[in-house]
Amino acid sequence: MAPPPIGDQSAAAVIARFLKARGVQRVYGLCGGHVMPIWMKLDAEGIRIVDVRDERAAVYMAHAEALLTGGLGVALVTAGPGVTNAMTGIANAHVARAPVLVLSGLPPTAQENRGALQDIVHTQLVGSITRYARTVRHPDLVPQELAEAASRALGEGGEPGPVYLDFPVDTLRADVARAMQLPELFTRNALAPQPPHPQAVQAAVAKLWAAKRPLFISGRGAHDAGPALSALLTRLGAAYLDTGESRGLVSDDHPSVVAAMRGTVMGQADLVVTVGRRLDFQLAYGSPAVFGSAEFIRIADCAAELRDNRRGAVELLADPALTLQAILDAAPAAEPATDRSWVQRLRSQHEQRSAKLVQAMQAAPAGRDGRMHPNRALAALREALPDDAIVVADGGDFLSFARVGLPATTYLDPGSLGCIGVGTPFGIAASLVHPDRTVVVATGDGAFGFNAMEIDTAVRHRAPLLVMVANNGSWAIEVRDQQETHGKVVGTHLQFADHAAMARAFGMHAERVEKPEDLPGAIQRAMAHRPALLDVVVTPEAASSDAKSGLAWVPDLQALGAWDDAERNWRAQG
């Protein structure tokens, strides 16, 4: 018996036309029978399908696409294990608040709840890590459900993040009534950016112009606010910290940037302004134990970034770019009370530390085992990167080295979920979105292993990225924690596996590098033959800042040991 036909008015065809109308150029996925109707209709509409080797990688790639384009990332995964495999990627997008649409299928409705192949209630599994999760059983409801899901993902009226829709395969084959294919559902009617309340703007101006040591910290929600933020920093002479969520938003050359003095400035500021940034573990939850008596101003376009952990003396629920510009427009002619000598000292110390870091990286000594320090690999890579490079950092221990060792105007990493393994998938998507820019993945060997098979995806799709694997043969942070805390290493050593040989087996240019002097030539050759992989053997003896911070043993009250001690002392005084 031949399978039923899939017509031009089928739900599958409508899904493909919807995505094309919304500007989707790529869908990341892994094929299966329950999504085959969508798969083939995407191809018919000219939407590129990037087929991957594991569904979580598909969601990671859609996540990166969303962050880099500012639009909707789309992943298509099959039923049952396709969805369960995708859940780690969905969870990461959930925590990162990335607008990702995940589509899947189900057995035909006549076989529902009868033990059909891959018959499982997906929406119950993903409900807690999505903004919207629905099964669409009637074809006529497909257009409106797609439109609603896309709006939820993009944060139109709420917090952005991943959404999920699935469809029984007979629904996908069925026609959607033409009357239900309303043109308004296929066009994004984006909400106008919300301006701030004038009274709240005046209250913020009063606080800012009275502060002596103002500090701005930006995050995901500030992605369109760079020009206004830079202008306000200049007007105030305030200090500024970026985060992995918004790195590159303000130029490193700006005199307000004091990233190398993070701990100092957090403890000295008397007014802290968060712009689209949650006060999570990376910012000590905003605790007075770390921030002292500082007041807060919170600026965000969604509640999740407005009032978590610390309430603001002023809270502005509005578009961050419009809010910062409104503050500038309402600024008095008088000079602010900012202690500019304070910021200048911090900036000078930041520059000194940054310069010292570069020198130290270039001269980092080998370990007692004779293997090179990971900073030598990063120093050589740093020299080869153009100013507009996209840097993806991944790993545990190696991430700690890479995030401070590699400058970047566009930067991606595992985020606050600590979702290591995103590196190669993120890099593949980045290189497809921006084939004209240099994309580099700097990853530890443990993190690389999670999605190492996506090397095959990179080769097949000619994704022009460079993957540098820092191969220390271990889960290094955990090894150090076990040695120092427990006196014994258990289950945290890996092999010094030949990742270059694996990459060559998939047709990728790859080299294994064991000596620092061989790095410049190897990097040059890799850049000329992307996609490429460099397997750089480094010592596991190098101790990163994260390895020394207490992060590995998970303190009770704060993420870092020093902050945990400060938190205990502060609570005891209360």
Protein backbone atom coordinates (compact mmCIF):
# COMPACT_ATOMS: atom_id res chain seq x y z
CA MET A 1 0.00 0.00 0.00
CA ALA A 2 1.36 3.43 -0.93
CA PRO A 3 1.56 6.09 1.80
CA PRO A 4 -1.09 8.83 1.71
CA PRO A 5 -0.25 11.85 -0.45
CA ILE A 6 0.90 15.11 1.14
CA GLY A 7 -0.67 17.99 -0.75
CA ASP A 8 0.13 21.67 -1.06
CA GLN A 9 -2.60 22.55 1.45
CA SER A 10 -1.52 19.94 3.98
CA ALA A 11 -0.59 20.94 7.51
CA ALA A 12 3.02 20.03 6.71
CA ALA A 13 3.01 22.38 3.73
CA VAL A 14 1.43 25.14 5.80
CA ILE A 15 4.15 24.74 8.47
CA ALA A 16 6.84 25.12 5.81
CA ARG A 17 5.16 28.19 4.29
CA PHE A 18 4.75 29.74 7.72
CA LEU A 19 8.45 29.35 8.50
CA LYS A 20 9.44 30.76 5.13
CA ALA A 21 7.11 33.72 5.61
CA ARG A 22 8.70 34.37 9.00
CA GLY A 23 12.15 34.56 7.43
CA VAL A 24 13.50 31.18 8.59
CA GLN A 25 16.38 30.18 6.31
CA ARG A 26 17.62 27.07 8.11
CA VAL A 27 16.01 24.32 10.14
CA TYR A 28 18.24 22.05 12.20
CA GLY A 29 17.03 18.51 12.65
CA LEU A 30 17.29 14.75 12.49
CA CYS A 31 14.81 12.98 10.29
CA GLY A 32 12.23 10.34 11.23
CA GLY A 33 8.94 9.02 9.93
CA HIS A 34 6.80 11.09 12.27
CA VAL A 35 8.19 14.35 10.88
CA MET A 36 8.87 13.30 7.29
CA PRO A 37 5.94 15.32 5.88
CA ILE A 38 7.37 18.52 7.39
CA TRP A 39 10.90 17.59 6.35
CA MET A 40 10.01 17.20 2.69
CA LYS A 41 7.83 20.30 2.57
CA LEU A 42 10.64 22.39 4.08
CA ASP A 43 12.85 21.25 1.25
CA ALA A 44 10.14 22.06 -1.29
CA GLU A 45 9.95 25.62 0.08
CA GLY A 46 13.71 26.08 -0.28
CA ILE A 47 14.43 26.12 3.44
CA ARG A 48 17.82 24.60 4.10
CA ILE A 49 17.79 21.53 6.32
CA VAL A 50 20.94 21.09 8.40
CA ASP A 51 20.75 17.42 9.35
CA VAL A 52 22.65 16.58 12.52
CA ARG A 53 23.79 13.45 14.35
CA ASP A 54 21.94 14.01 17.62
CA GLU A 55 18.78 15.97 18.39
CA ARG A 56 20.24 17.98 21.25
CA ALA A 57 22.78 19.34 18.76
CA ALA A 58 19.89 20.43 16.52
CA VAL A 59 18.42 22.48 19.36
CA TYR A 60 21.84 23.89 20.28
CA MET A 61 22.27 25.02 16.67
CA ALA A 62 18.81 26.59 16.58
CA HIS A 63 19.68 28.32 19.86
CA ALA A 64 22.86 29.83 18.37
CA GLU A 65 20.99 30.86 15.23
CA ALA A 66 18.44 32.72 17.33
CA LEU A 67 21.09 34.55 19.35
CA LEU A 68 23.11 35.54 16.29
CA THR A 69 20.20 36.66 14.09
CA GLY A 70 17.84 38.07 16.69
CA GLY A 71 15.10 35.96 15.14
CA LEU A 72 13.56 32.55 15.61
CA GLY A 73 15.73 29.43 15.67
CA VAL A 74 13.97 26.25 14.54
CA ALA A 75 14.69 22.59 15.33
CA LEU A 76 12.80 19.62 13.90
CA VAL A 77 13.07 16.31 15.77
CA THR A 78 11.20 13.07 15.48
CA ALA A 79 8.93 11.51 18.11
CA GLY A 80 9.88 9.60 21.26
CA PRO A 81 13.66 9.46 21.68
CA GLY A 82 14.01 12.33 19.23
CA VAL A 83 12.25 14.57 21.74
CA THR A 84 13.93 13.12 24.82
CA ASN A 85 17.33 13.57 23.16
CA ALA A 86 16.41 17.19 22.43
CA MET A 87 15.47 18.02 26.00
CA THR A 88 18.93 19.09 27.16
CA GLY A 89 19.03 21.61 24.33
CA ILE A 90 15.52 22.81 25.20
CA ALA A 91 16.50 23.18 28.87
CA ASN A 92 19.55 25.24 27.91
CA ALA A 93 17.46 27.53 25.71
CA HIS A 94 14.99 27.84 28.59
CA VAL A 95 17.62 29.05 31.03
CA ALA A 96 19.26 31.26 28.38
CA ARG A 97 15.87 32.68 27.32
CA ALA A 98 16.64 31.92 23.66
CA PRO A 99 13.74 32.05 21.15
CA VAL A 100 13.70 28.52 19.75
CA LEU A 101 10.78 26.72 18.09
CA VAL A 102 11.00 22.93 18.43
CA LEU A 103 8.71 20.91 16.16
CA SER A 104 8.00 17.19 16.38
CA GLY A 105 5.50 14.52 15.41
CA LEU A 106 3.32 11.84 16.95
CA PRO A 107 1.77 8.54 15.86
CA PRO A 108 -1.52 8.87 13.97
CA THR A 109 -4.47 9.76 16.18
CA ALA A 110 -6.12 6.37 15.59
CA GLN A 111 -3.07 4.74 17.24
CA GLU A 112 -2.78 7.17 20.14
CA ASN A 113 -2.40 5.52 23.56
CA ARG A 114 -2.35 2.03 22.05
CA GLY A 115 1.36 1.36 22.31
CA ALA A 116 2.30 2.73 18.91
CA LEU A 117 5.92 3.21 17.91
CA GLN A 118 7.38 6.19 19.77
CA ASP A 119 4.01 6.99 21.37
CA ILE A 120 4.75 9.24 24.34
CA VAL A 121 3.20 12.43 25.71
CA HIS A 122 5.95 14.88 24.81
CA THR A 123 4.20 17.98 26.12
CA GLN A 124 4.29 16.68 29.69
CA LEU A 125 8.03 16.15 29.39
CA VAL A 126 8.88 19.58 28.03
CA GLY A 127 6.19 21.66 29.73
CA SER A 128 8.38 22.94 32.55
CA ILE A 129 11.21 24.06 30.24
CA THR A 130 9.19 25.80 27.53
CA ARG A 131 7.11 28.96 27.28
CA TYR A 132 4.42 27.08 25.34
CA ALA A 133 3.92 23.36 24.66
CA ARG A 134 0.97 22.04 22.66
CA THR A 135 -0.14 19.03 20.65
CA VAL A 136 -2.06 20.17 17.57
CA ARG A 137 -4.52 17.48 16.52
CA HIS A 138 -6.73 19.36 14.06
CA PRO A 139 -5.15 20.66 10.84
CA ASP A 140 -7.21 23.85 10.81
CA LEU A 141 -5.58 24.92 14.10
CA VAL A 142 -2.04 24.66 12.75
CA PRO A 143 -1.67 28.28 11.53
CA GLN A 144 -2.86 29.91 14.73
CA GLU A 145 -0.83 27.57 16.95
CA LEU A 146 2.32 28.31 14.94
CA ALA A 147 1.70 32.05 15.23
CA GLU A 148 1.09 31.86 18.95
CA ALA A 149 4.14 29.68 19.56
CA ALA A 150 6.39 32.03 17.59
CA SER A 151 5.11 35.03 19.53
CA ARG A 152 5.71 33.29 22.84
CA ALA A 153 9.23 32.28 21.79
CA LEU A 154 10.12 35.84 20.84
CA GLY A 155 8.87 37.19 24.15
CA GLU A 156 6.03 39.22 22.72
CA GLY A 157 4.20 39.98 25.93
CA GLY A 158 6.33 37.79 28.18
CA GLU A 159 9.71 36.19 28.71
CA PRO A 160 11.35 34.85 25.53
CA GLY A 161 12.44 31.25 25.37
CA PRO A 162 11.84 27.87 23.73
CA VAL A 163 8.41 26.69 22.61
CA TYR A 164 7.26 23.27 21.48
CA LEU A 165 4.61 21.99 19.07
CA ASP A 166 3.95 18.46 17.91
CA PHE A 167 1.46 17.00 15.45
CA PRO A 168 0.10 13.50 14.82
CA VAL A 169 1.39 12.40 11.46
CA ASP A 170 -2.14 12.06 10.04
CA THR A 171 -2.71 15.70 11.00
CA LEU A 172 0.41 16.64 9.06
CA ARG A 173 -0.93 14.87 5.99
CA ALA A 174 -4.41 16.40 6.27
CA ASP A 175 -5.37 19.61 4.48
CA VAL A 176 -5.80 22.94 6.26
CA ALA A 177 -8.92 24.77 5.14
CA ARG A 178 -7.93 27.76 3.02
CA ALA A 179 -10.22 29.98 5.08
CA MET A 180 -8.15 29.17 8.18
CA GLN A 181 -4.88 30.18 6.51
CA LEU A 182 -5.37 33.81 7.47
CA PRO A 183 -2.62 36.06 6.07
CA GLU A 184 -2.27 37.82 9.44
CA LEU A 185 -1.02 34.58 11.00
CA PHE A 186 1.87 34.30 8.57
CA THR A 187 3.15 37.84 9.16
CA ARG A 188 4.90 38.80 12.36
CA ASN A 189 3.08 41.69 13.99
CA ALA A 190 5.84 42.45 16.46
CA LEU A 191 4.79 44.50 19.45
CA ALA A 192 6.18 48.02 19.51
CA PRO A 193 9.00 48.39 22.05
CA GLN A 194 7.59 49.51 25.37
CA PRO A 195 8.81 52.95 26.47
CA PRO A 196 9.59 53.59 30.14
CA HIS A 197 7.28 55.48 32.46
CA PRO A 198 8.38 59.14 32.68
CA GLN A 199 8.22 59.19 36.49
CA ALA A 200 10.43 56.10 36.71
CA VAL A 201 12.89 57.72 34.30
CA GLN A 202 13.08 60.83 36.49
CA ALA A 203 13.61 58.66 39.57
CA ALA A 204 16.43 56.80 37.81
CA VAL A 205 18.06 60.05 36.71
CA ALA A 206 17.98 61.35 40.27
CA LYS A 207 19.66 58.20 41.58
CA LEU A 208 22.25 58.11 38.80
CA TRP A 209 23.24 61.76 39.08
CA ALA A 210 23.60 61.45 42.87
CA ALA A 211 25.69 58.27 42.84
CA LYS A 212 29.44 58.51 43.36
CA ARG A 213 30.35 55.02 42.23
CA PRO A 214 27.74 53.81 39.69
CA LEU A 215 28.19 50.41 38.05
CA PHE A 216 26.29 49.10 35.01
CA ILE A 217 26.00 45.35 34.33
CA SER A 218 24.40 44.17 31.11
CA GLY A 219 22.91 40.86 30.04
CA ARG A 220 20.83 39.10 27.41
CA GLY A 221 18.06 41.67 27.43
CA ALA A 222 20.42 44.50 26.50
CA HIS A 223 21.28 43.12 23.06
CA ASP A 224 19.91 46.14 21.16
CA ALA A 225 21.00 48.74 23.70
CA GLY A 226 24.71 49.05 22.91
CA PRO A 227 24.77 52.61 21.48
CA ALA A 228 22.55 54.08 24.19
CA LEU A 229 24.43 52.22 26.92
CA SER A 230 27.80 53.41 25.66
CA ALA A 231 26.54 57.00 25.48
CA LEU A 232 25.14 56.89 29.01
CA LEU A 233 28.35 55.38 30.38
CA THR A 234 30.27 58.24 28.79
CA ARG A 235 27.88 60.88 30.15
CA LEU A 236 28.05 59.49 33.67
CA GLY A 237 31.64 58.29 33.73
CA ALA A 238 30.27 55.08 35.28
CA ALA A 239 31.97 51.69 35.53
CA TYR A 240 30.81 48.79 33.36
CA LEU A 241 30.91 45.01 33.51
CA ASP A 242 29.78 42.80 30.67
CA THR A 243 28.78 39.18 31.02
CA GLY A 244 28.86 36.18 28.71
CA GLU A 245 25.30 37.07 27.74
CA SER A 246 26.25 40.47 26.27
CA ARG A 247 29.96 40.42 25.57
CA GLY A 248 30.90 42.88 22.84
CA LEU A 249 27.92 45.14 23.54
CA VAL A 250 30.29 47.88 24.71
CA SER A 251 33.71 48.14 23.08
CA ASP A 252 36.66 47.01 25.17
CA ASP A 253 38.22 50.38 24.34
CA HIS A 254 35.52 52.26 26.25
CA PRO A 255 36.98 53.87 29.41
CA SER A 256 34.13 52.47 31.52
CA VAL A 257 35.07 48.82 30.88
CA VAL A 258 36.69 47.34 34.00
CA ALA A 259 36.10 43.61 33.49
CA ALA A 260 39.43 42.55 35.01
CA MET A 261 38.43 44.31 38.27
CA ARG A 262 35.11 42.50 38.62
CA GLY A 263 35.34 41.59 42.30
CA THR A 264 36.62 44.99 43.33
CA VAL A 265 34.03 47.04 41.46
CA MET A 266 31.17 44.86 42.68
CA GLY A 267 32.21 45.52 46.28
CA GLN A 268 32.82 49.26 45.87
CA ALA A 269 29.85 50.44 43.78
CA ASP A 270 27.19 52.46 45.59
CA LEU A 271 24.63 52.11 42.79
CA VAL A 272 24.31 49.04 40.54
CA VAL A 273 22.27 49.22 37.34
CA THR A 274 21.33 45.90 35.75
CA VAL A 275 20.32 46.14 32.10
CA GLY A 276 18.51 43.03 30.92
CA ARG A 277 20.51 40.92 33.38
CA ARG A 278 19.39 38.52 36.06
CA LEU A 279 21.19 38.56 39.39
CA ASP A 280 22.08 34.87 39.28
CA PHE A 281 24.97 32.91 40.77
CA GLN A 282 27.48 34.66 38.51
CA LEU A 283 26.59 37.95 40.21
CA ALA A 284 26.33 36.55 43.76
CA TYR A 285 22.53 36.87 43.57
CA GLY A 286 23.05 40.60 44.22
CA SER A 287 23.75 39.82 47.87
CA PRO A 288 24.80 42.64 50.25
CA ALA A 289 27.55 40.24 51.35
CA VAL A 290 29.25 41.03 48.03
CA PHE A 291 27.66 44.30 46.89
CA GLY A 292 27.64 45.92 50.33
CA SER A 293 25.13 48.72 50.81
CA ALA A 294 24.73 49.47 47.11
CA GLU A 295 21.27 50.31 45.80
CA PHE A 296 19.98 48.81 42.58
CA ILE A 297 18.25 50.12 39.50
CA ARG A 298 16.73 47.31 37.45
CA ILE A 299 16.00 47.78 33.74
CA ALA A 300 14.45 44.96 31.70
CA ASP A 301 11.69 44.20 29.23
CA CYS A 302 10.57 41.07 31.08
CA ALA A 303 9.92 40.41 34.75
CA ALA A 304 12.44 37.59 35.00
CA GLU A 305 15.27 40.09 34.55
CA LEU A 306 13.67 42.84 36.61
CA ARG A 307 13.19 41.66 40.18
CA ASP A 308 14.98 38.37 40.81
CA ASN A 309 16.83 38.21 44.15
CA ARG A 310 17.10 41.99 44.64
CA ARG A 311 14.44 44.62 44.13
CA GLY A 312 15.47 47.92 42.65
CA ALA A 313 15.13 51.33 44.27
CA VAL A 314 13.86 52.08 40.76
CA GLU A 315 12.50 49.40 38.44
CA LEU A 316 11.79 50.08 34.79
CA LEU A 317 9.83 47.40 32.95
CA ALA A 318 10.47 48.66 29.43
CA ASP A 319 12.66 48.26 26.38
CA PRO A 320 16.25 48.69 27.64
CA ALA A 321 17.44 50.72 24.63
CA LEU A 322 14.50 53.13 24.87
CA THR A 323 14.96 53.37 28.63
CA LEU A 324 18.65 54.23 28.48
CA GLN A 325 17.97 56.80 25.76
CA ALA A 326 15.14 58.28 27.83
CA ILE A 327 17.52 58.64 30.78
CA LEU A 328 20.00 60.44 28.53
CA ASP A 329 17.28 62.72 27.18
CA ALA A 330 16.09 63.57 30.71
CA ALA A 331 19.58 64.16 32.06
CA PRO A 332 20.18 67.52 33.69
CA ALA A 333 22.83 69.91 32.42
CA ALA A 334 24.69 69.59 35.71
CA GLU A 335 27.55 67.16 35.95
CA PRO A 336 26.80 63.90 37.80
CA ALA A 337 28.37 63.26 41.20
CA THR A 338 30.39 60.32 39.85
CA ASP A 339 33.86 60.01 41.36
CA ARG A 340 35.67 59.86 38.04
CA SER A 341 38.99 59.19 39.73
CA TRP A 342 37.48 55.95 41.06
CA VAL A 343 36.58 54.77 37.59
CA GLN A 344 39.92 55.92 36.20
CA ARG A 345 41.79 53.91 38.83
CA LEU A 346 39.74 50.83 38.07
CA ARG A 347 40.26 51.30 34.34
CA SER A 348 44.01 51.68 34.82
CA GLN A 349 44.15 48.54 36.95
CA HIS A 350 42.00 46.73 34.38
CA GLU A 351 44.41 47.66 31.59
CA GLN A 352 47.42 46.63 33.65
CA ARG A 353 45.88 43.26 34.50
CA SER A 354 44.80 42.68 30.91
CA ALA A 355 48.28 43.43 29.59
CA LYS A 356 49.85 41.24 32.26
CA LEU A 357 47.48 38.41 31.31
CA VAL A 358 48.55 38.54 27.66
CA GLN A 359 52.21 38.41 28.65
CA ALA A 360 51.59 35.59 31.11
CA MET A 361 49.68 33.58 28.52
CA GLN A 362 52.55 33.82 26.05
CA ALA A 363 55.07 32.68 28.65
CA ALA A 364 52.96 30.16 30.59
CA PRO A 365 55.27 27.31 31.68
CA ALA A 366 54.68 23.68 30.81
CA GLY A 367 53.51 21.25 33.44
CA ARG A 368 55.76 18.80 35.23
CA ASP A 369 54.60 16.29 32.62
CA GLY A 370 56.21 18.41 29.91
CA ARG A 371 52.90 19.22 28.21
CA MET A 372 52.12 22.82 27.32
CA HIS A 373 49.96 25.12 29.41
CA PRO A 374 46.50 25.74 27.86
CA ASN A 375 47.21 29.45 27.86
CA ARG A 376 49.95 28.91 25.29
CA ALA A 377 47.34 27.51 22.90
CA LEU A 378 45.01 30.42 23.59
CA ALA A 379 47.80 32.97 23.15
CA ALA A 380 48.63 31.59 19.72
CA LEU A 381 44.96 31.50 18.73
CA ARG A 382 44.46 35.05 20.00
CA GLU A 383 47.21 36.28 17.69
CA ALA A 384 45.46 34.75 14.67
CA LEU A 385 41.93 36.03 15.29
CA PRO A 386 40.54 39.03 13.40
CA ASP A 387 38.70 41.70 15.38
CA ASP A 388 35.27 40.52 14.22
CA ALA A 389 35.80 36.84 15.04
CA ILE A 390 32.96 34.89 16.62
CA VAL A 391 34.32 33.00 19.61
CA VAL A 392 32.55 29.99 21.12
CA ALA A 393 34.08 28.83 24.40
CA ASP A 394 33.14 25.47 25.88
CA GLY A 395 34.20 23.27 28.73
CA GLY A 396 34.69 23.37 32.47
CA ASP A 397 38.32 24.10 33.28
CA PHE A 398 39.24 25.25 29.77
CA LEU A 399 36.25 27.60 29.60
CA SER A 400 37.73 29.45 32.56
CA PHE A 401 40.93 30.06 30.61
CA ALA A 402 39.21 30.83 27.30
CA ARG A 403 36.63 33.35 28.49
CA VAL A 404 39.35 35.70 29.75
CA GLY A 405 42.05 34.76 27.26
CA LEU A 406 40.18 35.31 24.00
CA PRO A 407 38.81 38.74 23.09
CA ALA A 408 35.58 38.72 21.11
CA THR A 409 32.95 41.11 19.86
CA THR A 410 30.58 38.14 19.49
CA TYR A 411 30.84 35.45 22.12
CA LEU A 412 28.87 32.32 23.02
CA ASP A 413 29.39 29.81 25.83
CA PRO A 414 27.43 27.17 27.82
CA GLY A 415 25.62 29.85 29.84
CA SER A 416 24.32 29.72 33.38
CA LEU A 417 22.96 26.18 33.00
CA GLY A 418 26.59 25.09 32.61
CA CYS A 419 25.54 23.13 29.53
CA ILE A 420 28.95 22.00 28.37
CA GLY A 421 29.02 20.34 24.96
CA VAL A 422 27.39 23.24 23.11
CA GLY A 423 30.66 24.34 21.51
CA THR A 424 30.78 22.46 18.21
CA PRO A 425 27.01 22.79 17.51
CA PHE A 426 27.07 26.50 18.36
CA GLY A 427 30.11 26.94 16.13
CA ILE A 428 28.53 25.12 13.19
CA ALA A 429 25.42 27.31 13.35
CA ALA A 430 27.51 30.47 13.75
CA SER A 431 29.60 29.63 10.69
CA LEU A 432 26.49 28.98 8.61
CA VAL A 433 24.84 32.22 9.74
CA HIS A 434 28.04 34.23 9.21
CA PRO A 435 30.16 32.39 6.64
CA ASP A 436 32.05 35.63 5.99
CA ARG A 437 33.39 35.82 9.56
CA THR A 438 35.97 33.71 11.36
CA VAL A 439 34.28 31.30 13.77
CA VAL A 440 36.41 29.57 16.37
CA VAL A 441 35.35 26.99 18.94
CA ALA A 442 37.74 26.75 21.88
CA THR A 443 36.74 23.66 23.85
CA GLY A 444 38.02 21.27 26.41
CA ASP A 445 38.29 17.61 25.47
CA GLY A 446 35.58 16.50 27.87
CA ALA A 447 33.08 19.02 26.55
CA PHE A 448 34.04 18.22 22.96
CA GLY A 449 33.15 14.58 23.50
CA PHE A 450 29.47 15.30 24.11
CA ASN A 451 28.87 16.28 20.49
CA ALA A 452 32.05 15.17 18.75
CA MET A 453 30.03 13.41 16.03
CA GLU A 454 28.84 16.81 14.82
CA ILE A 455 32.24 17.06 13.16
CA ASP A 456 30.55 14.95 10.50
CA THR A 457 27.78 17.55 10.25
CA ALA A 458 30.34 20.33 9.81
CA VAL A 459 32.05 18.48 6.97
CA ARG A 460 28.86 17.52 5.15
CA HIS A 461 27.48 21.06 5.35
CA ARG A 462 30.81 22.74 4.71
CA ALA A 463 30.51 24.83 7.84
CA PRO A 464 33.68 26.96 7.86
CA LEU A 465 34.64 26.79 11.53
CA LEU A 466 37.83 26.00 13.41
CA VAL A 467 37.58 23.76 16.47
CA MET A 468 40.50 23.87 18.88
CA VAL A 469 40.35 21.04 21.41
CA ALA A 470 42.45 21.55 24.54
CA ASN A 471 43.21 17.92 25.27
CA ASN A 472 44.23 17.44 28.91
CA GLY A 473 42.93 13.89 29.23
CA SER A 474 40.68 14.67 32.17
CA TRP A 475 37.74 16.43 33.72
CA ALA A 476 40.31 18.79 35.21
CA ILE A 477 38.21 20.81 37.68
CA GLU A 478 36.81 17.63 39.18
CA VAL A 479 40.25 16.00 39.33
CA ARG A 480 41.60 18.93 41.33
CA ASP A 481 38.57 18.98 43.62
CA GLN A 482 38.92 15.25 44.29
CA GLN A 483 42.63 15.58 45.00
CA GLU A 484 42.22 18.52 47.36
CA THR A 485 38.92 17.61 49.02
CA HIS A 486 38.90 13.81 49.03
CA GLY A 487 42.53 12.83 48.53
CA LYS A 488 41.67 10.41 45.73
CA VAL A 489 40.85 10.66 42.02
CA VAL A 490 37.85 8.56 40.98
CA GLY A 491 36.36 8.38 37.47
CA THR A 492 37.56 11.76 36.23
CA HIS A 493 40.55 10.78 34.08
CA LEU A 494 40.13 10.47 30.32
CA GLN A 495 42.45 9.32 27.57
CA PHE A 496 44.67 11.70 25.65
CA ALA A 497 42.63 10.53 22.69
CA ASP A 498 43.62 11.47 19.15
CA HIS A 499 40.73 13.73 18.24
CA ALA A 500 42.53 14.83 15.09
CA ALA A 501 42.53 11.28 13.78
CA MET A 502 38.79 11.07 14.40
CA ALA A 503 38.19 14.34 12.55
CA ARG A 504 40.29 13.20 9.59
CA ALA A 505 38.19 10.04 9.42
CA PHE A 506 35.22 12.29 8.62
CA GLY A 507 37.15 14.18 5.94
CA MET A 508 38.05 17.22 8.02
CA HIS A 509 41.43 18.93 7.97
CA ALA A 510 42.89 18.14 11.39
CA GLU A 511 46.25 18.18 13.14
CA ARG A 512 47.52 17.12 16.54
CA VAL A 513 49.78 19.73 18.15
CA GLU A 514 52.04 18.96 21.10
CA LYS A 515 54.60 21.79 21.02
CA PRO A 516 53.90 25.54 21.40
CA GLU A 517 56.25 26.41 18.56
CA ASP A 518 54.09 24.34 16.19
CA LEU A 519 50.91 26.25 16.98
CA PRO A 520 51.23 29.29 14.64
CA GLY A 521 51.76 27.14 11.55
CA ALA A 522 49.02 24.69 12.52
CA ILE A 523 46.54 27.52 13.13
CA GLN A 524 47.42 29.13 9.81
CA ARG A 525 46.87 25.89 7.92
CA ALA A 526 43.63 25.22 9.77
CA MET A 527 42.30 28.69 8.97
CA ALA A 528 43.01 28.06 5.31
CA HIS A 529 41.24 24.67 5.24
CA ARG A 530 38.09 25.12 7.31
CA PRO A 531 36.24 23.26 8.58
CA ALA A 532 39.25 22.21 10.59
CA LEU A 533 40.18 20.81 13.98
CA LEU A 534 43.31 21.21 16.06
CA ASP A 535 43.85 18.67 18.82
CA VAL A 536 46.20 20.51 21.17
CA VAL A 537 47.70 18.38 23.94
CA VAL A 538 47.92 20.41 27.16
CA THR A 539 48.85 19.67 30.73
CA PRO A 540 46.11 18.74 33.21
CA GLU A 541 48.20 20.35 35.95
CA ALA A 542 47.26 23.94 35.01
CA ALA A 543 44.85 25.36 37.57
CA SER A 544 42.16 27.69 36.25
CA SER A 545 40.53 30.46 38.26
CA ASP A 546 37.34 28.38 38.46
CA ALA A 547 39.30 25.40 39.81
CA LYS A 548 40.65 27.62 42.58
CA SER A 549 37.35 29.36 43.35
CA GLY A 550 35.48 26.56 45.10
CA LEU A 551 32.99 26.28 42.23
CA ALA A 552 33.59 22.55 41.90
CA TRP A 553 32.63 21.61 45.44
CA VAL A 554 29.37 23.60 45.26
CA PRO A 555 29.29 25.75 48.43
CA ASP A 556 26.03 26.01 50.34
CA LEU A 557 25.15 29.69 50.03
CA GLN A 558 27.07 31.11 47.06
CA ALA A 559 28.75 29.72 43.96
CA LEU A 560 32.29 30.72 44.95
CA GLY A 561 34.12 29.89 48.14
CA ALA A 562 35.05 33.51 48.97
CA TRP A 563 31.49 34.68 48.35
CA ASP A 564 30.16 31.82 50.45
CA ASP A 565 32.36 32.89 53.37
CA ALA A 566 31.24 36.50 52.96
CA GLU A 567 27.59 35.41 52.85
CA ARG A 568 27.94 33.43 56.08
CA ASN A 569 29.55 36.36 57.85
CA TRP A 570 26.91 38.78 56.59
CA ARG A 571 24.05 36.54 57.68
CA ALA A 572 25.60 36.01 61.08
CA GLN A 573 25.75 39.77 61.64
CA GLY A 574 22.03 40.10 60.94
